[in-house]
PDB file of all heavy atoms in Angstrom:
ATOM      1  N   ARG A   1     -20.047   3.489 120.250  1.00  0.00           N
ATOM      2  CA  ARG A   1     -20.763   4.349 119.301  1.00  0.00           C
ATOM      3  C   ARG A   1     -20.672   5.814 119.721  1.00  0.00           C
ATOM      4  O   ARG A   1     -20.519   6.706 118.875  1.00  0.00           O
ATOM      5  CB  ARG A   1     -22.220   3.914 119.194  1.00  0.00           C
ATOM      6  CG  ARG A   1     -23.055   4.840 118.305  1.00  0.00           C
ATOM      7  CD  ARG A   1     -24.510   4.396 118.252  1.00  0.00           C
ATOM      8  NE  ARG A   1     -24.653   3.206 117.433  1.00  0.00           N
ATOM      9  CZ  ARG A   1     -25.782   2.501 117.335  1.00  0.00           C
ATOM     10  NH1 ARG A   1     -26.844   2.862 118.035  1.00  0.00           N
ATOM     11  NH2 ARG A   1     -25.840   1.439 116.558  1.00  0.00           N
ATOM     12  N   GLU A   2     -20.759   6.070 120.998  1.00  0.00           N
ATOM     13  CA  GLU A   2     -20.661   7.454 121.482  1.00  0.00           C
ATOM     14  C   GLU A   2     -19.309   8.064 121.115  1.00  0.00           C
ATOM     15  O   GLU A   2     -19.224   9.206 120.660  1.00  0.00           O
ATOM     16  CB  GLU A   2     -20.858   7.487 123.002  1.00  0.00           C
ATOM     17  CG  GLU A   2     -20.797   8.888 123.595  1.00  0.00           C
ATOM     18  CD  GLU A   2     -20.958   8.880 125.103  1.00  0.00           C
ATOM     19  OE1 GLU A   2     -21.493   7.889 125.648  1.00  0.00           O
ATOM     20  OE2 GLU A   2     -20.551   9.863 125.737  1.00  0.00           O
ATOM     21  N   ILE A   3     -18.247   7.279 121.273  1.00  0.00           N
ATOM     22  CA  ILE A   3     -16.910   7.779 120.952  1.00  0.00           C
ATOM     23  C   ILE A   3     -16.745   7.904 119.434  1.00  0.00           C
ATOM     24  O   ILE A   3     -16.113   8.854 118.950  1.00  0.00           O
ATOM     25  CB  ILE A   3     -15.846   6.865 121.573  1.00  0.00           C
ATOM     26  CG1 ILE A   3     -15.920   6.962 123.106  1.00  0.00           C
ATOM     27  CG2 ILE A   3     -14.444   7.228 121.075  1.00  0.00           C
ATOM     28  CD1 ILE A   3     -15.044   5.976 123.840  1.00  0.00           C
ATOM     29  N   ILE A   4     -17.310   6.975 118.684  1.00  0.00           N
ATOM     30  CA  ILE A   4     -17.275   7.083 117.222  1.00  0.00           C
ATOM     31  C   ILE A   4     -17.901   8.404 116.780  1.00  0.00           C
ATOM     32  O   ILE A   4     -17.349   9.130 115.948  1.00  0.00           O
ATOM     33  CB  ILE A   4     -18.018   5.893 116.580  1.00  0.00           C
ATOM     34  CG1 ILE A   4     -17.217   4.605 116.748  1.00  0.00           C
ATOM     35  CG2 ILE A   4     -18.297   6.153 115.094  1.00  0.00           C
ATOM     36  CD1 ILE A   4     -17.985   3.349 116.374  1.00  0.00           C
ATOM     37  N   THR A   5     -19.048   8.726 117.342  1.00  0.00           N
ATOM     38  CA  THR A   5     -19.746   9.961 116.992  1.00  0.00           C
ATOM     39  C   THR A   5     -18.893  11.181 117.312  1.00  0.00           C
ATOM     40  O   THR A   5     -18.794  12.126 116.513  1.00  0.00           O
ATOM     41  CB  THR A   5     -21.084  10.037 117.747  1.00  0.00           C
ATOM     42  OG1 THR A   5     -21.866   8.876 117.431  1.00  0.00           O
ATOM     43  CG2 THR A   5     -21.848  11.293 117.377  1.00  0.00           C
ATOM     44  N   ARG A   6     -18.243  11.141 118.461  1.00  0.00           N
ATOM     45  CA  ARG A   6     -17.411  12.276 118.882  1.00  0.00           C
ATOM     46  C   ARG A   6     -16.210  12.443 117.957  1.00  0.00           C
ATOM     47  O   ARG A   6     -15.884  13.553 117.525  1.00  0.00           O
ATOM     48  CB  ARG A   6     -16.951  12.054 120.331  1.00  0.00           C
ATOM     49  CG  ARG A   6     -16.456  13.306 121.036  1.00  0.00           C
ATOM     50  CD  ARG A   6     -16.067  13.002 122.482  1.00  0.00           C
ATOM     51  NE  ARG A   6     -17.110  12.278 123.206  1.00  0.00           N
ATOM     52  CZ  ARG A   6     -16.960  11.831 124.448  1.00  0.00           C
ATOM     53  NH1 ARG A   6     -15.812  12.018 125.085  1.00  0.00           N
ATOM     54  NH2 ARG A   6     -17.941  11.190 125.049  1.00  0.00           N
ATOM     55  N   VAL A   7     -15.549  11.356 117.645  1.00  0.00           N
ATOM     56  CA  VAL A   7     -14.346  11.433 116.803  1.00  0.00           C
ATOM     57  C   VAL A   7     -14.704  11.854 115.375  1.00  0.00           C
ATOM     58  O   VAL A   7     -13.985  12.646 114.755  1.00  0.00           O
ATOM     59  CB  VAL A   7     -13.591  10.096 116.814  1.00  0.00           C
ATOM     60  CG1 VAL A   7     -12.466  10.097 115.781  1.00  0.00           C
ATOM     61  CG2 VAL A   7     -13.019   9.831 118.209  1.00  0.00           C
ATOM     62  N   ASN A   8     -15.808  11.353 114.854  1.00  0.00           N
ATOM     63  CA  ASN A   8     -16.206  11.760 113.507  1.00  0.00           C
ATOM     64  C   ASN A   8     -16.511  13.260 113.452  1.00  0.00           C
ATOM     65  O   ASN A   8     -16.225  13.926 112.446  1.00  0.00           O
ATOM     66  CB  ASN A   8     -17.415  10.949 113.035  1.00  0.00           C
ATOM     67  CG  ASN A   8     -17.027   9.558 112.584  1.00  0.00           C
ATOM     68  OD1 ASN A   8     -15.864   9.286 112.291  1.00  0.00           O
ATOM     69  ND2 ASN A   8     -18.006   8.660 112.508  1.00  0.00           N
ATOM     70  N   ARG A   9     -17.077  13.788 114.508  1.00  0.00           N
ATOM     71  CA  ARG A   9     -17.297  15.242 114.557  1.00  0.00           C
ATOM     72  C   ARG A   9     -15.962  15.991 114.595  1.00  0.00           C
ATOM     73  O   ARG A   9     -15.778  17.002 113.914  1.00  0.00           O
ATOM     74  CB  ARG A   9     -18.136  15.605 115.787  1.00  0.00           C
ATOM     75  CG  ARG A   9     -18.465  17.102 115.849  1.00  0.00           C
ATOM     76  CD  ARG A   9     -19.350  17.437 117.037  1.00  0.00           C
ATOM     77  NE  ARG A   9     -18.651  17.221 118.303  1.00  0.00           N
ATOM     78  CZ  ARG A   9     -18.950  16.269 119.173  1.00  0.00           C
ATOM     79  NH1 ARG A   9     -19.933  15.424 118.906  1.00  0.00           N
ATOM     80  NH2 ARG A   9     -18.280  16.148 120.293  1.00  0.00           N
ATOM     81  N   ILE A  10     -15.012  15.475 115.352  1.00  0.00           N
ATOM     82  CA  ILE A  10     -13.678  16.082 115.423  1.00  0.00           C
ATOM     83  C   ILE A  10     -13.020  16.058 114.049  1.00  0.00           C
ATOM     84  O   ILE A  10     -12.377  17.028 113.635  1.00  0.00           O
ATOM     85  CB  ILE A  10     -12.821  15.351 116.480  1.00  0.00           C
ATOM     86  CG1 ILE A  10     -13.374  15.607 117.883  1.00  0.00           C
ATOM     87  CG2 ILE A  10     -11.358  15.787 116.386  1.00  0.00           C
ATOM     88  CD1 ILE A  10     -12.756  14.729 118.958  1.00  0.00           C
ATOM     89  N   ARG A  11     -13.169  14.952 113.331  1.00  0.00           N
ATOM     90  CA  ARG A  11     -12.585  14.844 111.983  1.00  0.00           C
ATOM     91  C   ARG A  11     -13.145  15.925 111.057  1.00  0.00           C
ATOM     92  O   ARG A  11     -12.423  16.535 110.267  1.00  0.00           O
ATOM     93  CB  ARG A  11     -12.869  13.456 111.397  1.00  0.00           C
ATOM     94  CG  ARG A  11     -11.925  12.370 111.876  1.00  0.00           C
ATOM     95  CD  ARG A  11     -12.454  10.981 111.536  1.00  0.00           C
ATOM     96  NE  ARG A  11     -12.833  10.786 110.152  1.00  0.00           N
ATOM     97  CZ  ARG A  11     -12.026  10.342 109.193  1.00  0.00           C
ATOM     98  NH1 ARG A  11     -10.757  10.066 109.483  1.00  0.00           N
ATOM     99  NH2 ARG A  11     -12.473  10.164 107.962  1.00  0.00           N
ATOM    100  N   LYS A  12     -14.434  16.168 111.138  1.00  0.00           N
ATOM    101  CA  LYS A  12     -15.057  17.147 110.253  1.00  0.00           C
ATOM    102  C   LYS A  12     -14.683  18.581 110.626  1.00  0.00           C
ATOM    103  O   LYS A  12     -14.668  19.470 109.769  1.00  0.00           O
ATOM    104  CB  LYS A  12     -16.572  16.974 110.268  1.00  0.00           C
ATOM    105  CG  LYS A  12     -17.028  15.676 109.601  1.00  0.00           C
ATOM    106  CD  LYS A  12     -18.535  15.526 109.610  1.00  0.00           C
ATOM    107  CE  LYS A  12     -18.956  14.231 108.914  1.00  0.00           C
ATOM    108  NZ  LYS A  12     -20.423  14.040 108.933  1.00  0.00           N
ATOM    109  N   GLU A  13     -14.394  18.805 111.887  1.00  0.00           N
ATOM    110  CA  GLU A  13     -14.095  20.165 112.347  1.00  0.00           C
ATOM    111  C   GLU A  13     -12.622  20.525 112.233  1.00  0.00           C
ATOM    112  O   GLU A  13     -12.269  21.707 112.372  1.00  0.00           O
ATOM    113  CB  GLU A  13     -14.535  20.319 113.814  1.00  0.00           C
ATOM    114  CG  GLU A  13     -16.046  20.242 114.007  1.00  0.00           C
ATOM    115  CD  GLU A  13     -16.448  20.223 115.473  1.00  0.00           C
ATOM    116  OE1 GLU A  13     -15.525  20.090 116.331  1.00  0.00           O
ATOM    117  OE2 GLU A  13     -17.656  20.329 115.765  1.00  0.00           O
ATOM    118  N   ASN A  14     -11.765  19.553 111.961  1.00  0.00           N
ATOM    119  CA  ASN A  14     -10.321  19.800 111.948  1.00  0.00           C
ATOM    120  C   ASN A  14      -9.713  19.396 110.610  1.00  0.00           C
ATOM    121  O   ASN A  14      -9.541  18.203 110.324  1.00  0.00           O
ATOM    122  CB  ASN A  14      -9.646  19.032 113.091  1.00  0.00           C
ATOM    123  CG  ASN A  14      -9.981  19.621 114.448  1.00  0.00           C
ATOM    124  OD1 ASN A  14      -9.283  20.494 114.944  1.00  0.00           O
ATOM    125  ND2 ASN A  14     -11.073  19.146 115.034  1.00  0.00           N
ATOM    126  N   PRO A  15      -9.364  20.373 109.768  1.00  0.00           N
ATOM    127  CA  PRO A  15      -8.789  20.066 108.447  1.00  0.00           C
ATOM    128  C   PRO A  15      -7.542  19.202 108.510  1.00  0.00           C
ATOM    129  O   PRO A  15      -7.246  18.473 107.556  1.00  0.00           O
ATOM    130  CB  PRO A  15      -8.473  21.457 107.873  1.00  0.00           C
ATOM    131  CG  PRO A  15      -9.360  22.396 108.606  1.00  0.00           C
ATOM    132  CD  PRO A  15      -9.523  21.826 109.981  1.00  0.00           C
ATOM    133  N   ALA A  16      -6.806  19.253 109.625  1.00  0.00           N
ATOM    134  CA  ALA A  16      -5.585  18.457 109.732  1.00  0.00           C
ATOM    135  C   ALA A  16      -5.870  16.963 109.669  1.00  0.00           C
ATOM    136  O   ALA A  16      -4.982  16.167 109.329  1.00  0.00           O
ATOM    137  CB  ALA A  16      -4.848  18.794 111.020  1.00  0.00           C
ATOM    138  N   LEU A  17      -7.100  16.560 109.980  1.00  0.00           N
ATOM    139  CA  LEU A  17      -7.468  15.138 109.943  1.00  0.00           C
ATOM    140  C   LEU A  17      -8.086  14.744 108.616  1.00  0.00           C
ATOM    141  O   LEU A  17      -8.509  13.601 108.444  1.00  0.00           O
ATOM    142  CB  LEU A  17      -8.442  14.819 111.086  1.00  0.00           C
ATOM    143  CG  LEU A  17      -7.862  14.890 112.501  1.00  0.00           C
ATOM    144  CD1 LEU A  17      -8.958  14.711 113.535  1.00  0.00           C
ATOM    145  CD2 LEU A  17      -6.762  13.862 112.697  1.00  0.00           C
ATOM    146  N   GLN A  18      -8.107  15.655 107.654  1.00  0.00           N
ATOM    147  CA  GLN A  18      -8.784  15.401 106.383  1.00  0.00           C
ATOM    148  C   GLN A  18      -7.825  15.064 105.252  1.00  0.00           C
ATOM    149  O   GLN A  18      -8.216  15.050 104.081  1.00  0.00           O
ATOM    150  CB  GLN A  18      -9.678  16.597 106.034  1.00  0.00           C
ATOM    151  CG  GLN A  18     -10.801  16.771 107.054  1.00  0.00           C
ATOM    152  CD  GLN A  18     -11.613  18.023 106.848  1.00  0.00           C
ATOM    153  OE1 GLN A  18     -11.578  18.648 105.786  1.00  0.00           O
ATOM    154  NE2 GLN A  18     -12.353  18.428 107.884  1.00  0.00           N
ATOM    155  N   THR A  19      -6.584  14.812 105.586  1.00  0.00           N
ATOM    156  CA  THR A  19      -5.618  14.267 104.642  1.00  0.00           C
ATOM    157  C   THR A  19      -4.728  13.287 105.394  1.00  0.00           C
ATOM    158  O   THR A  19      -4.548  13.404 106.614  1.00  0.00           O
ATOM    159  CB  THR A  19      -4.782  15.369 103.970  1.00  0.00           C
ATOM    160  OG1 THR A  19      -3.915  14.781 103.005  1.00  0.00           O
ATOM    161  CG2 THR A  19      -3.944  16.128 104.991  1.00  0.00           C
ATOM    162  N   THR A  20      -4.193  12.338 104.681  1.00  0.00           N
ATOM    163  CA  THR A  20      -3.352  11.305 105.300  1.00  0.00           C
ATOM    164  C   THR A  20      -1.880  11.685 105.259  1.00  0.00           C
ATOM    165  O   THR A  20      -1.098  11.266 106.116  1.00  0.00           O
ATOM    166  CB  THR A  20      -3.560   9.952 104.581  1.00  0.00           C
ATOM    167  OG1 THR A  20      -4.943   9.584 104.675  1.00  0.00           O
ATOM    168  CG2 THR A  20      -2.718   8.846 105.202  1.00  0.00           C
ATOM    169  N   TRP A  21      -1.491  12.498 104.288  1.00  0.00           N
ATOM    170  CA  TRP A  21      -0.068  12.691 103.981  1.00  0.00           C
ATOM    171  C   TRP A  21       0.671  13.557 104.993  1.00  0.00           C
ATOM    172  O   TRP A  21       1.897  13.631 104.963  1.00  0.00           O
ATOM    173  CB  TRP A  21       0.075  13.295 102.582  1.00  0.00           C
ATOM    174  CG  TRP A  21      -0.863  12.693 101.585  1.00  0.00           C
ATOM    175  CD1 TRP A  21      -1.765  13.343 100.810  1.00  0.00           C
ATOM    176  CD2 TRP A  21      -1.014  11.298 101.273  1.00  0.00           C
ATOM    177  NE1 TRP A  21      -2.475  12.457 100.033  1.00  0.00           N
ATOM    178  CE2 TRP A  21      -2.034  11.195 100.293  1.00  0.00           C
ATOM    179  CE3 TRP A  21      -0.383  10.134 101.728  1.00  0.00           C
ATOM    180  CZ2 TRP A  21      -2.436   9.972  99.762  1.00  0.00           C
ATOM    181  CZ3 TRP A  21      -0.794   8.923 101.198  1.00  0.00           C
ATOM    182  CH2 TRP A  21      -1.793   8.843 100.235  1.00  0.00           C
ATOM    183  N   ASN A  22      -0.025  14.221 105.902  1.00  0.00           N
ATOM    184  CA  ASN A  22       0.619  15.192 106.794  1.00  0.00           C
ATOM    185  C   ASN A  22       1.029  14.611 108.139  1.00  0.00           C
ATOM    186  O   ASN A  22       1.359  15.348 109.063  1.00  0.00           O
ATOM    187  CB  ASN A  22      -0.324  16.381 107.030  1.00  0.00           C
ATOM    188  CG  ASN A  22      -1.642  15.955 107.668  1.00  0.00           C
ATOM    189  OD1 ASN A  22      -1.953  14.766 107.746  1.00  0.00           O
ATOM    190  ND2 ASN A  22      -2.435  16.914 108.109  1.00  0.00           N
ATOM    191  N   ILE A  23       1.031  13.294 108.273  1.00  0.00           N
ATOM    192  CA  ILE A  23       1.325  12.688 109.569  1.00  0.00           C
ATOM    193  C   ILE A  23       2.829  12.674 109.838  1.00  0.00           C
ATOM    194  O   ILE A  23       3.635  12.404 108.942  1.00  0.00           O
ATOM    195  CB  ILE A  23       0.752  11.264 109.652  1.00  0.00           C
ATOM    196  CG1 ILE A  23       0.863  10.717 111.078  1.00  0.00           C
ATOM    197  CG2 ILE A  23       1.424  10.323 108.655  1.00  0.00           C
ATOM    198  CD1 ILE A  23       0.054   9.456 111.305  1.00  0.00           C
ATOM    199  N   ASN A  24       3.191  12.994 111.076  1.00  0.00           N
ATOM    200  CA  ASN A  24       4.581  12.903 111.531  1.00  0.00           C
ATOM    201  C   ASN A  24       4.586  12.312 112.938  1.00  0.00           C
ATOM    202  O   ASN A  24       3.923  12.844 113.839  1.00  0.00           O
ATOM    203  CB  ASN A  24       5.257  14.278 111.536  1.00  0.00           C
ATOM    204  CG  ASN A  24       5.565  14.780 110.143  1.00  0.00           C
ATOM    205  OD1 ASN A  24       6.427  14.237 109.459  1.00  0.00           O
ATOM    206  ND2 ASN A  24       4.855  15.812 109.708  1.00  0.00           N
ATOM    207  N   PHE A  25       5.310  11.223 113.116  1.00  0.00           N
ATOM    208  CA  PHE A  25       5.392  10.594 114.433  1.00  0.00           C
ATOM    209  C   PHE A  25       6.398  11.338 115.292  1.00  0.00           C
ATOM    210  O   PHE A  25       7.392  11.878 114.803  1.00  0.00           O
ATOM    211  CB  PHE A  25       5.772   9.126 114.295  1.00  0.00           C
ATOM    212  CG  PHE A  25       4.662   8.294 113.714  1.00  0.00           C
ATOM    213  CD1 PHE A  25       4.606   8.032 112.355  1.00  0.00           C
ATOM    214  CD2 PHE A  25       3.648   7.798 114.527  1.00  0.00           C
ATOM    215  CE1 PHE A  25       3.579   7.293 111.808  1.00  0.00           C
ATOM    216  CE2 PHE A  25       2.616   7.049 113.988  1.00  0.00           C
ATOM    217  CZ  PHE A  25       2.577   6.802 112.628  1.00  0.00           C
ATOM    218  N   THR A  26       6.116  11.359 116.576  1.00  0.00           N
ATOM    219  CA  THR A  26       7.003  12.034 117.506  1.00  0.00           C
ATOM    220  C   THR A  26       7.415  11.072 118.614  1.00  0.00           C
ATOM    221  O   THR A  26       6.795  10.023 118.813  1.00  0.00           O
ATOM    222  CB  THR A  26       6.321  13.285 118.094  1.00  0.00           C
ATOM    223  OG1 THR A  26       7.259  14.051 118.830  1.00  0.00           O
ATOM    224  CG2 THR A  26       5.151  12.910 118.982  1.00  0.00           C
ATOM    225  N   GLU A  27       8.456  11.433 119.310  1.00  0.00           N
ATOM    226  CA  GLU A  27       9.045  10.522 120.310  1.00  0.00           C
ATOM    227  C   GLU A  27       8.144  10.366 121.532  1.00  0.00           C
ATOM    228  O   GLU A  27       7.480  11.307 121.969  1.00  0.00           O
ATOM    229  CB  GLU A  27      10.397  11.078 120.776  1.00  0.00           C
ATOM    230  CG  GLU A  27      11.446  11.163 119.694  1.00  0.00           C
ATOM    231  CD  GLU A  27      12.725  11.798 120.224  1.00  0.00           C
ATOM    232  OE1 GLU A  27      12.903  11.837 121.467  1.00  0.00           O
ATOM    233  OE2 GLU A  27      13.526  12.270 119.402  1.00  0.00           O
ATOM    234  N   THR A  28       8.144   9.145 122.070  1.00  0.00           N
ATOM    235  CA  THR A  28       7.590   8.894 123.399  1.00  0.00           C
ATOM    236  C   THR A  28       8.572   7.984 124.127  1.00  0.00           C
ATOM    237  O   THR A  28       9.339   7.258 123.489  1.00  0.00           O
ATOM    238  CB  THR A  28       6.211   8.197 123.340  1.00  0.00           C
ATOM    239  OG1 THR A  28       6.402   6.823 122.983  1.00  0.00           O
ATOM    240  CG2 THR A  28       5.284   8.858 122.330  1.00  0.00           C
ATOM    241  N   ASN A  29       8.545   8.027 125.433  1.00  0.00           N
ATOM    242  CA  ASN A  29       9.460   7.174 126.198  1.00  0.00           C
ATOM    243  C   ASN A  29       8.772   5.916 126.710  1.00  0.00           C
ATOM    244  O   ASN A  29       9.182   5.325 127.713  1.00  0.00           O
ATOM    245  CB  ASN A  29      10.078   7.951 127.365  1.00  0.00           C
ATOM    246  CG  ASN A  29       9.034   8.427 128.372  1.00  0.00           C
ATOM    247  OD1 ASN A  29       7.837   8.388 128.092  1.00  0.00           O
ATOM    248  ND2 ASN A  29       9.482   8.876 129.535  1.00  0.00           N
ATOM    249  N   ASN A  30       7.717   5.485 126.004  1.00  0.00           N
ATOM    250  CA  ASN A  30       6.979   4.289 126.379  1.00  0.00           C
ATOM    251  C   ASN A  30       6.468   3.652 125.092  1.00  0.00           C
ATOM    252  O   ASN A  30       5.695   4.261 124.350  1.00  0.00           O
ATOM    253  CB  ASN A  30       5.817   4.652 127.306  1.00  0.00           C
ATOM    254  CG  ASN A  30       5.042   3.428 127.781  1.00  0.00           C
ATOM    255  OD1 ASN A  30       5.181   2.332 127.237  1.00  0.00           O
ATOM    256  ND2 ASN A  30       4.205   3.611 128.800  1.00  0.00           N
ATOM    257  N   ASP A  31       6.878   2.415 124.813  1.00  0.00           N
ATOM    258  CA  ASP A  31       6.460   1.752 123.577  1.00  0.00           C
ATOM    259  C   ASP A  31       4.986   1.401 123.554  1.00  0.00           C
ATOM    260  O   ASP A  31       4.455   1.009 122.506  1.00  0.00           O
ATOM    261  CB  ASP A  31       7.286   0.481 123.360  1.00  0.00           C
ATOM    262  CG  ASP A  31       8.691   0.788 122.868  1.00  0.00           C
ATOM    263  OD1 ASP A  31       8.904   1.913 122.374  1.00  0.00           O
ATOM    264  OD2 ASP A  31       9.571  -0.096 122.986  1.00  0.00           O
ATOM    265  N   SER A  32       4.310   1.533 124.675  1.00  0.00           N
ATOM    266  CA  SER A  32       2.868   1.308 124.710  1.00  0.00           C
ATOM    267  C   SER A  32       2.080   2.566 124.346  1.00  0.00           C
ATOM    268  O   SER A  32       0.846   2.516 124.258  1.00  0.00           O
ATOM    269  CB  SER A  32       2.428   0.817 126.094  1.00  0.00           C
ATOM    270  OG  SER A  32       2.948  -0.468 126.362  1.00  0.00           O
ATOM    271  N   VAL A  33       2.774   3.665 124.161  1.00  0.00           N
ATOM    272  CA  VAL A  33       2.122   4.927 123.794  1.00  0.00           C
ATOM    273  C   VAL A  33       2.686   5.394 122.459  1.00  0.00           C
ATOM    274  O   VAL A  33       3.894   5.575 122.308  1.00  0.00           O
ATOM    275  CB  VAL A  33       2.337   6.016 124.864  1.00  0.00           C
ATOM    276  CG1 VAL A  33       1.753   7.351 124.390  1.00  0.00           C
ATOM    277  CG2 VAL A  33       1.701   5.591 126.184  1.00  0.00           C
ATOM    278  N   ILE A  34       1.803   5.576 121.495  1.00  0.00           N
ATOM    279  CA  ILE A  34       2.198   6.097 120.190  1.00  0.00           C
ATOM    280  C   ILE A  34       1.687   7.527 120.078  1.00  0.00           C
ATOM    281  O   ILE A  34       0.585   7.844 120.544  1.00  0.00           O
ATOM    282  CB  ILE A  34       1.651   5.213 119.049  1.00  0.00           C
ATOM    283  CG1 ILE A  34       2.276   5.615 117.710  1.00  0.00           C
ATOM    284  CG2 ILE A  34       0.139   5.240 118.986  1.00  0.00           C
ATOM    285  CD1 ILE A  34       1.973   4.638 116.582  1.00  0.00           C
ATOM    286  N   ALA A  35       2.489   8.409 119.484  1.00  0.00           N
ATOM    287  CA  ALA A  35       2.094   9.815 119.358  1.00  0.00           C
ATOM    288  C   ALA A  35       2.480  10.331 117.983  1.00  0.00           C
ATOM    289  O   ALA A  35       3.519   9.953 117.429  1.00  0.00           O
ATOM    290  CB  ALA A  35       2.757  10.661 120.444  1.00  0.00           C
ATOM    291  N   TYR A  36       1.640  11.177 117.443  1.00  0.00           N
ATOM    292  CA  TYR A  36       1.898  11.738 116.115  1.00  0.00           C
ATOM    293  C   TYR A  36       1.204  13.088 115.989  1.00  0.00           C
ATOM    294  O   TYR A  36       0.248  13.402 116.702  1.00  0.00           O
ATOM    295  CB  TYR A  36       1.437  10.786 115.008  1.00  0.00           C
ATOM    296  CG  TYR A  36       0.116  10.086 115.240  1.00  0.00           C
ATOM    297  CD1 TYR A  36      -1.068  10.549 114.664  1.00  0.00           C
ATOM    298  CD2 TYR A  36       0.048   8.929 116.034  1.00  0.00           C
ATOM    299  CE1 TYR A  36      -2.267   9.897 114.862  1.00  0.00           C
ATOM    300  CE2 TYR A  36      -1.155   8.273 116.235  1.00  0.00           C
ATOM    301  CZ  TYR A  36      -2.311   8.760 115.655  1.00  0.00           C
ATOM    302  OH  TYR A  36      -3.507   8.118 115.856  1.00  0.00           O
ATOM    303  N   THR A  37       1.705  13.893 115.065  1.00  0.00           N
ATOM    304  CA  THR A  37       1.133  15.214 114.819  1.00  0.00           C
ATOM    305  C   THR A  37       0.509  15.237 113.432  1.00  0.00           C
ATOM    306  O   THR A  37       0.932  14.528 112.525  1.00  0.00           O
ATOM    307  CB  THR A  37       2.199  16.315 114.909  1.00  0.00           C
ATOM    308  OG1 THR A  37       3.153  16.143 113.844  1.00  0.00           O
ATOM    309  CG2 THR A  37       2.918  16.267 116.241  1.00  0.00           C
ATOM    310  N   LYS A  38      -0.499  16.086 113.312  1.00  0.00           N
ATOM    311  CA  LYS A  38      -1.100  16.358 112.006  1.00  0.00           C
ATOM    312  C   LYS A  38      -1.393  17.856 111.958  1.00  0.00           C
ATOM    313  O   LYS A  38      -1.981  18.408 112.896  1.00  0.00           O
ATOM    314  CB  LYS A  38      -2.375  15.543 111.778  1.00  0.00           C
ATOM    315  CG  LYS A  38      -2.169  14.033 111.888  1.00  0.00           C
ATOM    316  CD  LYS A  38      -3.269  13.243 111.208  1.00  0.00           C
ATOM    317  CE  LYS A  38      -2.925  12.976 109.777  1.00  0.00           C
ATOM    318  NZ  LYS A  38      -3.929  12.109 109.095  1.00  0.00           N
ATOM    319  N   THR A  39      -0.982  18.499 110.882  1.00  0.00           N
ATOM    320  CA  THR A  39      -1.160  19.939 110.763  1.00  0.00           C
ATOM    321  C   THR A  39      -1.756  20.287 109.403  1.00  0.00           C
ATOM    322  O   THR A  39      -1.563  19.574 108.418  1.00  0.00           O
ATOM    323  CB  THR A  39       0.178  20.684 110.923  1.00  0.00           C
ATOM    324  OG1 THR A  39       1.074  20.256 109.881  1.00  0.00           O
ATOM    325  CG2 THR A  39       0.813  20.386 112.269  1.00  0.00           C
ATOM    326  N   ASP A  40      -2.474  21.397 109.387  1.00  0.00           N
ATOM    327  CA  ASP A  40      -2.989  21.959 108.139  1.00  0.00           C
ATOM    328  C   ASP A  40      -2.473  23.386 108.038  1.00  0.00           C
ATOM    329  O   ASP A  40      -2.882  24.263 108.813  1.00  0.00           O
ATOM    330  CB  ASP A  40      -4.518  21.937 108.125  1.00  0.00           C
ATOM    331  CG  ASP A  40      -5.086  22.566 106.867  1.00  0.00           C
ATOM    332  OD1 ASP A  40      -4.920  21.981 105.783  1.00  0.00           O
ATOM    333  OD2 ASP A  40      -5.676  23.665 106.969  1.00  0.00           O
ATOM    334  N   GLU A  41      -1.572  23.604 107.093  1.00  0.00           N
ATOM    335  CA  GLU A  41      -0.907  24.902 106.995  1.00  0.00           C
ATOM    336  C   GLU A  41      -1.883  26.011 106.645  1.00  0.00           C
ATOM    337  O   GLU A  41      -1.776  27.135 107.137  1.00  0.00           O
ATOM    338  CB  GLU A  41       0.216  24.835 105.944  1.00  0.00           C
ATOM    339  CG  GLU A  41       1.345  23.874 106.286  1.00  0.00           C
ATOM    340  CD  GLU A  41       2.069  24.257 107.563  1.00  0.00           C
ATOM    341  OE1 GLU A  41       2.085  25.465 107.898  1.00  0.00           O
ATOM    342  OE2 GLU A  41       2.599  23.357 108.233  1.00  0.00           O
ATOM    343  N   ALA A  42      -2.843  25.733 105.774  1.00  0.00           N
ATOM    344  CA  ALA A  42      -3.755  26.777 105.309  1.00  0.00           C
ATOM    345  C   ALA A  42      -4.578  27.362 106.449  1.00  0.00           C
ATOM    346  O   ALA A  42      -4.776  28.576 106.536  1.00  0.00           O
ATOM    347  CB  ALA A  42      -4.667  26.224 104.218  1.00  0.00           C
TER     348      ALA A  42
END
């Protein structure tokens, strides 16, 4: 619950997390680690 609260606050403070369509996956050299970027141009 503590982490849920923290992440929900991050979502509200960062416009890049407020749309789904802007996701782009990026390379990692470990299949156990997934990485992606989200940006808000405005």
